[in-house]
Amino acid sequence: MKTSGSRRSIRLADQILRELATMLVEEVQDPRLELVSLTGCKLNADISIALVSFSVGGGAERRAQALEGLNKAKGFLRSGLARRLNMRSLPELRFAHDDFLEDMVYAKPSRQDS
């Protein structure tokens, strides 16, 4: 996915991320989405797709459950965004696990021999 680097798309991605995070905390009742943190949002060049990154503690099974829960709540989240944002057309939401934090925490440190 070719991302857009314009100020408008970055600002919109930040706003989408904030609103989605608020909805996850306040409105979504799915137990699979407890302790899910949204870590980033990127819009493609024509602002038709929003790739939302998330992280969650636990193993691969917990990640799969969280992804399934997010995909199940996709329509609810998108309609909530439509109510909160004043846009002509809303981007399609896609979710992907962000393993950056896990790589930083659990990565083995490189040893340099002197």
PDB file of N, CA and C in Angstrom:
ATOM      1  N   MET A   1       0.844  -1.173   0.000  1.00  0.00           N
ATOM      2  CA  MET A   1       0.000   0.000   0.000  1.00  0.00           C
ATOM      3  C   MET A   1       0.890   1.237   0.000  1.00  0.00           C
ATOM      4  N   LYS A   2       0.723   2.045  -1.007  1.00  0.00           N
ATOM      5  CA  LYS A   2       1.481   3.275  -1.093  1.00  0.00           C
ATOM      6  C   LYS A   2       0.828   4.320  -0.190  1.00  0.00           C
ATOM      7  N   THR A   3       1.579   4.793   0.796  1.00  0.00           N
ATOM      8  CA  THR A   3       1.011   5.733   1.752  1.00  0.00           C
ATOM      9  C   THR A   3       1.208   7.158   1.292  1.00  0.00           C
ATOM     10  N   SER A   4       0.344   8.010   1.807  1.00  0.00           N
ATOM     11  CA  SER A   4       0.426   9.430   1.496  1.00  0.00           C
ATOM     12  C   SER A   4       1.161  10.140   2.618  1.00  0.00           C
ATOM     13  N   GLY A   5       2.012  11.074   2.272  1.00  0.00           N
ATOM     14  CA  GLY A   5       2.772  11.808   3.273  1.00  0.00           C
ATOM     15  C   GLY A   5       2.333  13.245   3.413  1.00  0.00           C
ATOM     16  N   SER A   6       1.177  13.587   2.857  1.00  0.00           N
ATOM     17  CA  SER A   6       0.721  14.975   2.942  1.00  0.00           C
ATOM     18  C   SER A   6       0.284  15.300   4.364  1.00  0.00           C
ATOM     19  N   ARG A   7       0.317  16.577   4.698  1.00  0.00           N
ATOM     20  CA  ARG A   7      -0.087  16.995   6.039  1.00  0.00           C
ATOM     21  C   ARG A   7      -1.537  16.653   6.307  1.00  0.00           C
ATOM     22  N   ARG A   8      -2.370  16.778   5.293  1.00  0.00           N
ATOM     23  CA  ARG A   8      -3.797  16.481   5.466  1.00  0.00           C
ATOM     24  C   ARG A   8      -4.005  15.011   5.817  1.00  0.00           C
ATOM     25  N   SER A   9      -3.333  14.124   5.104  1.00  0.00           N
ATOM     26  CA  SER A   9      -3.535  12.699   5.370  1.00  0.00           C
ATOM     27  C   SER A   9      -2.942  12.300   6.725  1.00  0.00           C
ATOM     28  N   ILE A  10      -1.844  12.898   7.110  1.00  0.00           N
ATOM     29  CA  ILE A  10      -1.261  12.598   8.421  1.00  0.00           C
ATOM     30  C   ILE A  10      -2.182  13.079   9.535  1.00  0.00           C
ATOM     31  N   ARG A  11      -2.713  14.276   9.374  1.00  0.00           N
ATOM     32  CA  ARG A  11      -3.643  14.827  10.362  1.00  0.00           C
ATOM     33  C   ARG A  11      -4.917  13.978  10.445  1.00  0.00           C
ATOM     34  N   LEU A  12      -5.429  13.560   9.305  1.00  0.00           N
ATOM     35  CA  LEU A  12      -6.629  12.732   9.266  1.00  0.00           C
ATOM     36  C   LEU A  12      -6.368  11.363   9.889  1.00  0.00           C
ATOM     37  N   ALA A  13      -5.211  10.780   9.613  1.00  0.00           N
ATOM     38  CA  ALA A  13      -4.857   9.483  10.202  1.00  0.00           C
ATOM     39  C   ALA A  13      -4.777   9.590  11.723  1.00  0.00           C
ATOM     40  N   ASP A  14      -4.208  10.671  12.230  1.00  0.00           N
ATOM     41  CA  ASP A  14      -4.138  10.874  13.674  1.00  0.00           C
ATOM     42  C   ASP A  14      -5.528  11.013  14.276  1.00  0.00           C
ATOM     43  N   GLN A  15      -6.395  11.727  13.593  1.00  0.00           N
ATOM     44  CA  GLN A  15      -7.758  11.907  14.085  1.00  0.00           C
ATOM     45  C   GLN A  15      -8.523  10.584  14.067  1.00  0.00           C
ATOM     46  N   ILE A  16      -8.357   9.804  13.013  1.00  0.00           N
ATOM     47  CA  ILE A  16      -8.994   8.490  12.937  1.00  0.00           C
ATOM     48  C   ILE A  16      -8.501   7.603  14.074  1.00  0.00           C
ATOM     49  N   LEU A  17      -7.205   7.618  14.335  1.00  0.00           N
ATOM     50  CA  LEU A  17      -6.635   6.809  15.408  1.00  0.00           C
ATOM     51  C   LEU A  17      -7.202   7.210  16.764  1.00  0.00           C
ATOM     52  N   ARG A  18      -7.278   8.511  17.036  1.00  0.00           N
ATOM     53  CA  ARG A  18      -7.838   8.986  18.304  1.00  0.00           C
ATOM     54  C   ARG A  18      -9.288   8.564  18.478  1.00  0.00           C
ATOM     55  N   GLU A  19     -10.092   8.733  17.430  1.00  0.00           N
ATOM     56  CA  GLU A  19     -11.514   8.396  17.518  1.00  0.00           C
ATOM     57  C   GLU A  19     -11.712   6.888  17.679  1.00  0.00           C
ATOM     58  N   LEU A  20     -10.941   6.090  16.953  1.00  0.00           N
ATOM     59  CA  LEU A  20     -11.055   4.632  17.085  1.00  0.00           C
ATOM     60  C   LEU A  20     -10.669   4.183  18.496  1.00  0.00           C
ATOM     61  N   ALA A  21      -9.608   4.758  19.036  1.00  0.00           N
ATOM     62  CA  ALA A  21      -9.175   4.392  20.387  1.00  0.00           C
ATOM     63  C   ALA A  21     -10.249   4.762  21.407  1.00  0.00           C
ATOM     64  N   THR A  22     -10.861   5.920  21.242  1.00  0.00           N
ATOM     65  CA  THR A  22     -11.937   6.334  22.142  1.00  0.00           C
ATOM     66  C   THR A  22     -13.116   5.376  22.042  1.00  0.00           C
ATOM     67  N   MET A  23     -13.482   4.998  20.829  1.00  0.00           N
ATOM     68  CA  MET A  23     -14.595   4.069  20.653  1.00  0.00           C
ATOM     69  C   MET A  23     -14.285   2.699  21.249  1.00  0.00           C
ATOM     70  N   LEU A  24     -13.046   2.229  21.110  1.00  0.00           N
ATOM     71  CA  LEU A  24     -12.685   0.936  21.687  1.00  0.00           C
ATOM     72  C   LEU A  24     -12.840   0.950  23.204  1.00  0.00           C
ATOM     73  N   VAL A  25     -12.468   2.053  23.823  1.00  0.00           N
ATOM     74  CA  VAL A  25     -12.548   2.136  25.279  1.00  0.00           C
ATOM     75  C   VAL A  25     -13.983   2.331  25.748  1.00  0.00           C
ATOM     76  N   GLU A  26     -14.730   3.205  25.081  1.00  0.00           N
ATOM     77  CA  GLU A  26     -16.029   3.620  25.591  1.00  0.00           C
ATOM     78  C   GLU A  26     -17.211   2.832  25.046  1.00  0.00           C
ATOM     79  N   GLU A  27     -17.147   2.315  23.836  1.00  0.00           N
ATOM     80  CA  GLU A  27     -18.340   1.776  23.204  1.00  0.00           C
ATOM     81  C   GLU A  27     -18.286   0.295  22.856  1.00  0.00           C
ATOM     82  N   VAL A  28     -17.135  -0.230  22.524  1.00  0.00           N
ATOM     83  CA  VAL A  28     -17.036  -1.627  22.081  1.00  0.00           C
ATOM     84  C   VAL A  28     -17.078  -2.544  23.300  1.00  0.00           C
ATOM     85  N   GLN A  29     -17.924  -3.563  23.229  1.00  0.00           N
ATOM     86  CA  GLN A  29     -18.136  -4.470  24.354  1.00  0.00           C
ATOM     87  C   GLN A  29     -17.482  -5.841  24.164  1.00  0.00           C
ATOM     88  N   ASP A  30     -16.781  -6.047  23.077  1.00  0.00           N
ATOM     89  CA  ASP A  30     -16.210  -7.354  22.757  1.00  0.00           C
ATOM     90  C   ASP A  30     -15.053  -7.677  23.715  1.00  0.00           C
ATOM     91  N   PRO A  31     -15.123  -8.795  24.450  1.00  0.00           N
ATOM     92  CA  PRO A  31     -14.037  -9.133  25.378  1.00  0.00           C
ATOM     93  C   PRO A  31     -12.718  -9.458  24.677  1.00  0.00           C
ATOM     94  N   ARG A  32     -12.762  -9.780  23.397  1.00  0.00           N
ATOM     95  CA  ARG A  32     -11.518 -10.049  22.660  1.00  0.00           C
ATOM     96  C   ARG A  32     -10.696  -8.786  22.484  1.00  0.00           C
ATOM     97  N   LEU A  33     -11.336  -7.624  22.631  1.00  0.00           N
ATOM     98  CA  LEU A  33     -10.652  -6.359  22.388  1.00  0.00           C
ATOM     99  C   LEU A  33     -10.199  -5.666  23.672  1.00  0.00           C
ATOM    100  N   GLU A  34     -10.265  -6.375  24.795  1.00  0.00           N
ATOM    101  CA  GLU A  34      -9.747  -5.813  26.030  1.00  0.00           C
ATOM    102  C   GLU A  34      -8.229  -5.759  25.949  1.00  0.00           C
ATOM    103  N   LEU A  35      -7.665  -4.683  26.436  1.00  0.00           N
ATOM    104  CA  LEU A  35      -6.221  -4.459  26.462  1.00  0.00           C
ATOM    105  C   LEU A  35      -5.579  -4.403  25.074  1.00  0.00           C
ATOM    106  N   VAL A  36      -6.365  -4.065  24.063  1.00  0.00           N
ATOM    107  CA  VAL A  36      -5.825  -3.845  22.725  1.00  0.00           C
ATOM    108  C   VAL A  36      -5.437  -2.384  22.617  1.00  0.00           C
ATOM    109  N   SER A  37      -4.227  -2.114  22.191  1.00  0.00           N
ATOM    110  CA  SER A  37      -3.752  -0.743  22.017  1.00  0.00           C
ATOM    111  C   SER A  37      -3.585  -0.456  20.538  1.00  0.00           C
ATOM    112  N   LEU A  38      -4.150   0.647  20.088  1.00  0.00           N
ATOM    113  CA  LEU A  38      -3.947   1.076  18.710  1.00  0.00           C
ATOM    114  C   LEU A  38      -2.660   1.874  18.673  1.00  0.00           C
ATOM    115  N   THR A  39      -1.746   1.490  17.788  1.00  0.00           N
ATOM    116  CA  THR A  39      -0.415   2.093  17.786  1.00  0.00           C
ATOM    117  C   THR A  39      -0.154   3.023  16.613  1.00  0.00           C
ATOM    118  N   GLY A  40      -0.956   2.945  15.573  1.00  0.00           N
ATOM    119  CA  GLY A  40      -0.707   3.810  14.429  1.00  0.00           C
ATOM    120  C   GLY A  40      -1.780   3.663  13.375  1.00  0.00           C
ATOM    121  N   CYS A  41      -1.803   4.645  12.477  1.00  0.00           N
ATOM    122  CA  CYS A  41      -2.749   4.631  11.362  1.00  0.00           C
ATOM    123  C   CYS A  41      -2.060   5.266  10.161  1.00  0.00           C
ATOM    124  N   LYS A  42      -2.154   4.606   9.026  1.00  0.00           N
ATOM    125  CA  LYS A  42      -1.601   5.139   7.785  1.00  0.00           C
ATOM    126  C   LYS A  42      -2.693   5.114   6.734  1.00  0.00           C
ATOM    127  N   LEU A  43      -2.766   6.173   5.950  1.00  0.00           N
ATOM    128  CA  LEU A  43      -3.724   6.250   4.856  1.00  0.00           C
ATOM    129  C   LEU A  43      -2.994   6.048   3.546  1.00  0.00           C
ATOM    130  N   ASN A  44      -3.666   5.397   2.591  1.00  0.00           N
ATOM    131  CA  ASN A  44      -3.034   5.244   1.283  1.00  0.00           C
ATOM    132  C   ASN A  44      -3.117   6.567   0.518  1.00  0.00           C
ATOM    133  N   ALA A  45      -2.574   6.596  -0.670  1.00  0.00           N
ATOM    134  CA  ALA A  45      -2.420   7.844  -1.413  1.00  0.00           C
ATOM    135  C   ALA A  45      -3.745   8.535  -1.725  1.00  0.00           C
ATOM    136  N   ASP A  46      -4.799   7.767  -1.999  1.00  0.00           N
ATOM    137  CA  ASP A  46      -6.077   8.421  -2.326  1.00  0.00           C
ATOM    138  C   ASP A  46      -7.062   8.403  -1.152  1.00  0.00           C
ATOM    139  N   ILE A  47      -6.565   8.125   0.052  1.00  0.00           N
ATOM    140  CA  ILE A  47      -7.344   8.164   1.305  1.00  0.00           C
ATOM    141  C   ILE A  47      -8.574   7.263   1.228  1.00  0.00           C
ATOM    142  N   SER A  48      -8.442   6.124   0.587  1.00  0.00           N
ATOM    143  CA  SER A  48      -9.562   5.187   0.525  1.00  0.00           C
ATOM    144  C   SER A  48      -9.373   4.009   1.484  1.00  0.00           C
ATOM    145  N   ILE A  49      -8.151   3.826   1.990  1.00  0.00           N
ATOM    146  CA  ILE A  49      -7.860   2.725   2.901  1.00  0.00           C
ATOM    147  C   ILE A  49      -7.062   3.264   4.083  1.00  0.00           C
ATOM    148  N   ALA A  50      -7.493   2.902   5.285  1.00  0.00           N
ATOM    149  CA  ALA A  50      -6.761   3.247   6.501  1.00  0.00           C
ATOM    150  C   ALA A  50      -6.234   1.955   7.111  1.00  0.00           C
ATOM    151  N   LEU A  51      -4.927   1.829   7.198  1.00  0.00           N
ATOM    152  CA  LEU A  51      -4.297   0.676   7.823  1.00  0.00           C
ATOM    153  C   LEU A  51      -4.018   1.027   9.275  1.00  0.00           C
ATOM    154  N   VAL A  52      -4.734   0.381  10.188  1.00  0.00           N
ATOM    155  CA  VAL A  52      -4.629   0.670  11.611  1.00  0.00           C
ATOM    156  C   VAL A  52      -3.818  -0.437  12.265  1.00  0.00           C
ATOM    157  N   SER A  53      -2.734  -0.055  12.943  1.00  0.00           N
ATOM    158  CA  SER A  53      -1.871  -1.020  13.619  1.00  0.00           C
ATOM    159  C   SER A  53      -2.286  -1.135  15.077  1.00  0.00           C
ATOM    160  N   PHE A  54      -2.195  -2.351  15.603  1.00  0.00           N
ATOM    161  CA  PHE A  54      -2.548  -2.561  17.003  1.00  0.00           C
ATOM    162  C   PHE A  54      -1.538  -3.495  17.647  1.00  0.00           C
ATOM    163  N   SER A  55      -1.471  -3.424  18.963  1.00  0.00           N
ATOM    164  CA  SER A  55      -0.647  -4.371  19.705  1.00  0.00           C
ATOM    165  C   SER A  55      -1.475  -4.893  20.867  1.00  0.00           C
ATOM    166  N   VAL A  56      -1.163  -6.104  21.269  1.00  0.00           N
ATOM    167  CA  VAL A  56      -1.870  -6.745  22.372  1.00  0.00           C
ATOM    168  C   VAL A  56      -0.915  -7.722  23.027  1.00  0.00           C
ATOM    169  N   GLY A  57      -1.016  -7.821  24.338  1.00  0.00           N
ATOM    170  CA  GLY A  57      -0.173  -8.766  25.057  1.00  0.00           C
ATOM    171  C   GLY A  57      -0.649 -10.187  24.831  1.00  0.00           C
ATOM    172  N   GLY A  58       0.237 -11.126  25.027  1.00  0.00           N
ATOM    173  CA  GLY A  58      -0.126 -12.529  24.852  1.00  0.00           C
ATOM    174  C   GLY A  58       0.552 -13.107  23.631  1.00  0.00           C
ATOM    175  N   GLY A  59       0.211 -14.318  23.347  1.00  0.00           N
ATOM    176  CA  GLY A  59       0.844 -15.023  22.237  1.00  0.00           C
ATOM    177  C   GLY A  59       0.119 -14.841  20.928  1.00  0.00           C
ATOM    178  N   ALA A  60       0.431 -15.727  20.014  1.00  0.00           N
ATOM    179  CA  ALA A  60      -0.138 -15.664  18.669  1.00  0.00           C
ATOM    180  C   ALA A  60      -1.646 -15.894  18.688  1.00  0.00           C
ATOM    181  N   GLU A  61      -2.112 -16.745  19.600  1.00  0.00           N
ATOM    182  CA  GLU A  61      -3.552 -17.002  19.686  1.00  0.00           C
ATOM    183  C   GLU A  61      -4.302 -15.746  20.130  1.00  0.00           C
ATOM    184  N   ARG A  62      -3.747 -15.025  21.077  1.00  0.00           N
ATOM    185  CA  ARG A  62      -4.369 -13.782  21.558  1.00  0.00           C
ATOM    186  C   ARG A  62      -4.387 -12.732  20.448  1.00  0.00           C
ATOM    187  N   ARG A  63      -3.306 -12.662  19.667  1.00  0.00           N
ATOM    188  CA  ARG A  63      -3.258 -11.727  18.530  1.00  0.00           C
ATOM    189  C   ARG A  63      -4.323 -12.068  17.502  1.00  0.00           C
ATOM    190  N   ALA A  64      -4.482 -13.345  17.229  1.00  0.00           N
ATOM    191  CA  ALA A  64      -5.487 -13.772  16.250  1.00  0.00           C
ATOM    192  C   ALA A  64      -6.894 -13.445  16.750  1.00  0.00           C
ATOM    193  N   GLN A  65      -7.143 -13.633  18.050  1.00  0.00           N
ATOM    194  CA  GLN A  65      -8.450 -13.290  18.613  1.00  0.00           C
ATOM    195  C   GLN A  65      -8.711 -11.794  18.523  1.00  0.00           C
ATOM    196  N   ALA A  66      -7.697 -10.981  18.814  1.00  0.00           N
ATOM    197  CA  ALA A  66      -7.853  -9.526  18.747  1.00  0.00           C
ATOM    198  C   ALA A  66      -8.117  -9.088  17.309  1.00  0.00           C
ATOM    199  N   LEU A  67      -7.399  -9.662  16.351  1.00  0.00           N
ATOM    200  CA  LEU A  67      -7.608  -9.320  14.953  1.00  0.00           C
ATOM    201  C   LEU A  67      -9.009  -9.723  14.505  1.00  0.00           C
ATOM    202  N   GLU A  68      -9.455 -10.888  14.937  1.00  0.00           N
ATOM    203  CA  GLU A  68     -10.799 -11.335  14.609  1.00  0.00           C
ATOM    204  C   GLU A  68     -11.852 -10.394  15.206  1.00  0.00           C
ATOM    205  N   GLY A  69     -11.627  -9.962  16.454  1.00  0.00           N
ATOM    206  CA  GLY A  69     -12.551  -9.032  17.097  1.00  0.00           C
ATOM    207  C   GLY A  69     -12.590  -7.681  16.407  1.00  0.00           C
ATOM    208  N   LEU A  70     -11.425  -7.182  15.992  1.00  0.00           N
ATOM    209  CA  LEU A  70     -11.372  -5.899  15.280  1.00  0.00           C
ATOM    210  C   LEU A  70     -12.069  -5.997  13.928  1.00  0.00           C
ATOM    211  N   ASN A  71     -11.836  -7.099  13.219  1.00  0.00           N
ATOM    212  CA  ASN A  71     -12.500  -7.275  11.927  1.00  0.00           C
ATOM    213  C   ASN A  71     -14.008  -7.419  12.092  1.00  0.00           C
ATOM    214  N   LYS A  72     -14.435  -8.055  13.178  1.00  0.00           N
ATOM    215  CA  LYS A  72     -15.864  -8.203  13.450  1.00  0.00           C
ATOM    216  C   LYS A  72     -16.497  -6.847  13.772  1.00  0.00           C
ATOM    217  N   ALA A  73     -15.759  -5.966  14.459  1.00  0.00           N
ATOM    218  CA  ALA A  73     -16.271  -4.658  14.860  1.00  0.00           C
ATOM    219  C   ALA A  73     -16.019  -3.590  13.801  1.00  0.00           C
ATOM    220  N   LYS A  74     -15.468  -3.969  12.663  1.00  0.00           N
ATOM    221  CA  LYS A  74     -15.088  -3.006  11.628  1.00  0.00           C
ATOM    222  C   LYS A  74     -16.255  -2.129  11.185  1.00  0.00           C
ATOM    223  N   GLY A  75     -17.405  -2.708  10.936  1.00  0.00           N
ATOM    224  CA  GLY A  75     -18.580  -1.945  10.507  1.00  0.00           C
ATOM    225  C   GLY A  75     -19.053  -0.978  11.579  1.00  0.00           C
ATOM    226  N   PHE A  76     -19.075  -1.446  12.832  1.00  0.00           N
ATOM    227  CA  PHE A  76     -19.472  -0.590  13.949  1.00  0.00           C
ATOM    228  C   PHE A  76     -18.511   0.589  14.099  1.00  0.00           C
ATOM    229  N   LEU A  77     -17.206   0.305  14.012  1.00  0.00           N
ATOM    230  CA  LEU A  77     -16.204   1.361  14.148  1.00  0.00           C
ATOM    231  C   LEU A  77     -16.299   2.368  13.007  1.00  0.00           C
ATOM    232  N   ARG A  78     -16.522   1.874  11.804  1.00  0.00           N
ATOM    233  CA  ARG A  78     -16.616   2.770  10.645  1.00  0.00           C
ATOM    234  C   ARG A  78     -17.857   3.655  10.735  1.00  0.00           C
ATOM    235  N   SER A  79     -18.969   3.101  11.186  1.00  0.00           N
ATOM    236  CA  SER A  79     -20.172   3.931  11.324  1.00  0.00           C
ATOM    237  C   SER A  79     -19.999   4.943  12.452  1.00  0.00           C
ATOM    238  N   GLY A  80     -19.283   4.570  13.504  1.00  0.00           N
ATOM    239  CA  GLY A  80     -18.976   5.519  14.568  1.00  0.00           C
ATOM    240  C   GLY A  80     -18.075   6.641  14.081  1.00  0.00           C
ATOM    241  N   LEU A  81     -17.115   6.291  13.226  1.00  0.00           N
ATOM    242  CA  LEU A  81     -16.259   7.328  12.634  1.00  0.00           C
ATOM    243  C   LEU A  81     -17.068   8.269  11.758  1.00  0.00           C
ATOM    244  N   ALA A  82     -18.024   7.736  11.034  1.00  0.00           N
ATOM    245  CA  ALA A  82     -18.853   8.570  10.160  1.00  0.00           C
ATOM    246  C   ALA A  82     -19.644   9.584  10.976  1.00  0.00           C
ATOM    247  N   ARG A  83     -20.099   9.176  12.157  1.00  0.00           N
ATOM    248  CA  ARG A  83     -20.827  10.114  13.015  1.00  0.00           C
ATOM    249  C   ARG A  83     -19.906  11.186  13.580  1.00  0.00           C
ATOM    250  N   ARG A  84     -18.658  10.827  13.865  1.00  0.00           N
ATOM    251  CA  ARG A  84     -17.736  11.746  14.531  1.00  0.00           C
ATOM    252  C   ARG A  84     -16.959  12.655  13.577  1.00  0.00           C
ATOM    253  N   LEU A  85     -16.685  12.170  12.373  1.00  0.00           N
ATOM    254  CA  LEU A  85     -15.902  12.941  11.413  1.00  0.00           C
ATOM    255  C   LEU A  85     -16.806  13.475  10.312  1.00  0.00           C
ATOM    256  N   ASN A  86     -16.531  14.650   9.865  1.00  0.00           N
ATOM    257  CA  ASN A  86     -17.319  15.247   8.791  1.00  0.00           C
ATOM    258  C   ASN A  86     -16.561  15.058   7.477  1.00  0.00           C
ATOM    259  N   MET A  87     -16.778  13.889   6.860  1.00  0.00           N
ATOM    260  CA  MET A  87     -16.078  13.574   5.619  1.00  0.00           C
ATOM    261  C   MET A  87     -17.076  13.101   4.576  1.00  0.00           C
ATOM    262  N   ARG A  88     -16.752  13.372   3.338  1.00  0.00           N
ATOM    263  CA  ARG A  88     -17.610  12.921   2.241  1.00  0.00           C
ATOM    264  C   ARG A  88     -17.591  11.406   2.124  1.00  0.00           C
ATOM    265  N   SER A  89     -16.416  10.822   2.154  1.00  0.00           N
ATOM    266  CA  SER A  89     -16.307   9.363   2.124  1.00  0.00           C
ATOM    267  C   SER A  89     -15.260   8.934   3.149  1.00  0.00           C
ATOM    268  N   LEU A  90     -15.575   7.893   3.869  1.00  0.00           N
ATOM    269  CA  LEU A  90     -14.689   7.390   4.904  1.00  0.00           C
ATOM    270  C   LEU A  90     -13.806   6.288   4.339  1.00  0.00           C
ATOM    271  N   PRO A  91     -12.553   6.199   4.764  1.00  0.00           N
ATOM    272  CA  PRO A  91     -11.687   5.131   4.263  1.00  0.00           C
ATOM    273  C   PRO A  91     -12.101   3.770   4.823  1.00  0.00           C
ATOM    274  N   GLU A  92     -11.802   2.740   4.060  1.00  0.00           N
ATOM    275  CA  GLU A  92     -12.018   1.367   4.516  1.00  0.00           C
ATOM    276  C   GLU A  92     -11.001   1.074   5.610  1.00  0.00           C
ATOM    277  N   LEU A  93     -11.435   0.428   6.675  1.00  0.00           N
ATOM    278  CA  LEU A  93     -10.543   0.110   7.783  1.00  0.00           C
ATOM    279  C   LEU A  93      -9.929  -1.266   7.588  1.00  0.00           C
ATOM    280  N   ARG A  94      -8.615  -1.326   7.721  1.00  0.00           N
ATOM    281  CA  ARG A  94      -7.892  -2.602   7.712  1.00  0.00           C
ATOM    282  C   ARG A  94      -7.002  -2.617   8.939  1.00  0.00           C
ATOM    283  N   PHE A  95      -6.895  -3.772   9.566  1.00  0.00           N
ATOM    284  CA  PHE A  95      -6.138  -3.891  10.804  1.00  0.00           C
ATOM    285  C   PHE A  95      -4.953  -4.826  10.614  1.00  0.00           C
ATOM    286  N   ALA A  96      -3.841  -4.480  11.248  1.00  0.00           N
ATOM    287  CA  ALA A  96      -2.640  -5.304  11.193  1.00  0.00           C
ATOM    288  C   ALA A  96      -1.941  -5.244  12.546  1.00  0.00           C
ATOM    289  N   HIS A  97      -1.403  -6.372  12.958  1.00  0.00           N
ATOM    290  CA  HIS A  97      -0.688  -6.410  14.232  1.00  0.00           C
ATOM    291  C   HIS A  97       0.649  -5.698  14.090  1.00  0.00           C
ATOM    292  N   ASP A  98       0.973  -4.894  15.074  1.00  0.00           N
ATOM    293  CA  ASP A  98       2.230  -4.144  15.101  1.00  0.00           C
ATOM    294  C   ASP A  98       3.146  -4.827  16.116  1.00  0.00           C
ATOM    295  N   ASP A  99       4.192  -5.454  15.632  1.00  0.00           N
ATOM    296  CA  ASP A  99       5.081  -6.167  16.544  1.00  0.00           C
ATOM    297  C   ASP A  99       6.348  -5.387  16.865  1.00  0.00           C
ATOM    298  N   PHE A 100       6.348  -4.099  16.612  1.00  0.00           N
ATOM    299  CA  PHE A 100       7.526  -3.277  16.871  1.00  0.00           C
ATOM    300  C   PHE A 100       7.892  -3.295  18.356  1.00  0.00           C
ATOM    301  N   LEU A 101       6.905  -3.072  19.231  1.00  0.00           N
ATOM    302  CA  LEU A 101       7.195  -3.042  20.662  1.00  0.00           C
ATOM    303  C   LEU A 101       7.678  -4.395  21.162  1.00  0.00           C
ATOM    304  N   GLU A 102       7.063  -5.454  20.682  1.00  0.00           N
ATOM    305  CA  GLU A 102       7.490  -6.781  21.098  1.00  0.00           C
ATOM    306  C   GLU A 102       8.907  -7.069  20.632  1.00  0.00           C
ATOM    307  N   ASP A 103       9.249  -6.640  19.434  1.00  0.00           N
ATOM    308  CA  ASP A 103      10.611  -6.833  18.941  1.00  0.00           C
ATOM    309  C   ASP A 103      11.610  -6.056  19.793  1.00  0.00           C
ATOM    310  N   MET A 104      11.224  -4.869  20.228  1.00  0.00           N
ATOM    311  CA  MET A 104      12.124  -4.053  21.040  1.00  0.00           C
ATOM    312  C   MET A 104      12.311  -4.659  22.435  1.00  0.00           C
ATOM    313  N   VAL A 105      11.240  -5.196  23.007  1.00  0.00           N
ATOM    314  CA  VAL A 105      11.318  -5.725  24.363  1.00  0.00           C
ATOM    315  C   VAL A 105      11.982  -7.095  24.394  1.00  0.00           C
ATOM    316  N   TYR A 106      11.597  -7.973  23.458  1.00  0.00           N
ATOM    317  CA  TYR A 106      12.048  -9.351  23.519  1.00  0.00           C
ATOM    318  C   TYR A 106      13.217  -9.669  22.600  1.00  0.00           C
ATOM    319  N   ALA A 107      13.712  -8.695  21.866  1.00  0.00           N
ATOM    320  CA  ALA A 107      14.843  -8.949  20.971  1.00  0.00           C
ATOM    321  C   ALA A 107      16.100  -9.192  21.792  1.00  0.00           C
ATOM    322  N   LYS A 108      16.890 -10.098  21.297  1.00  0.00           N
ATOM    323  CA  LYS A 108      18.149 -10.371  21.979  1.00  0.00           C
ATOM    324  C   LYS A 108      19.127  -9.252  21.656  1.00  0.00           C
ATOM    325  N   PRO A 109      19.799  -8.725  22.660  1.00  0.00           N
ATOM    326  CA  PRO A 109      20.766  -7.665  22.379  1.00  0.00           C
ATOM    327  C   PRO A 109      21.969  -8.220  21.621  1.00  0.00           C
ATOM    328  N   SER A 110      22.434  -7.418  20.686  1.00  0.00           N
ATOM    329  CA  SER A 110      23.602  -7.858  19.927  1.00  0.00           C
ATOM    330  C   SER A 110      24.854  -7.632  20.776  1.00  0.00           C
ATOM    331  N   ARG A 111      25.729  -8.601  20.762  1.00  0.00           N
ATOM    332  CA  ARG A 111      26.949  -8.494  21.555  1.00  0.00           C
ATOM    333  C   ARG A 111      28.096  -8.167  20.622  1.00  0.00           C
ATOM    334  N   GLN A 112      28.854  -7.219  21.050  1.00  0.00           N
ATOM    335  CA  GLN A 112      30.030  -6.843  20.276  1.00  0.00           C
ATOM    336  C   GLN A 112      31.266  -7.298  21.069  1.00  0.00           C
ATOM    337  N   ASP A 113      32.021  -8.134  20.435  1.00  0.00           N
ATOM    338  CA  ASP A 113      33.239  -8.605  21.086  1.00  0.00           C
ATOM    339  C   ASP A 113      34.374  -7.653  20.792  1.00  0.00           C
ATOM    340  N   SER A 114      35.091  -7.268  21.826  1.00  0.00           N
ATOM    341  CA  SER A 114      36.205  -6.333  21.646  1.00  0.00           C
ATOM    342  C   SER A 114      37.514  -7.038  21.595  1.00  0.00           C
TER     343      SER A 114
END
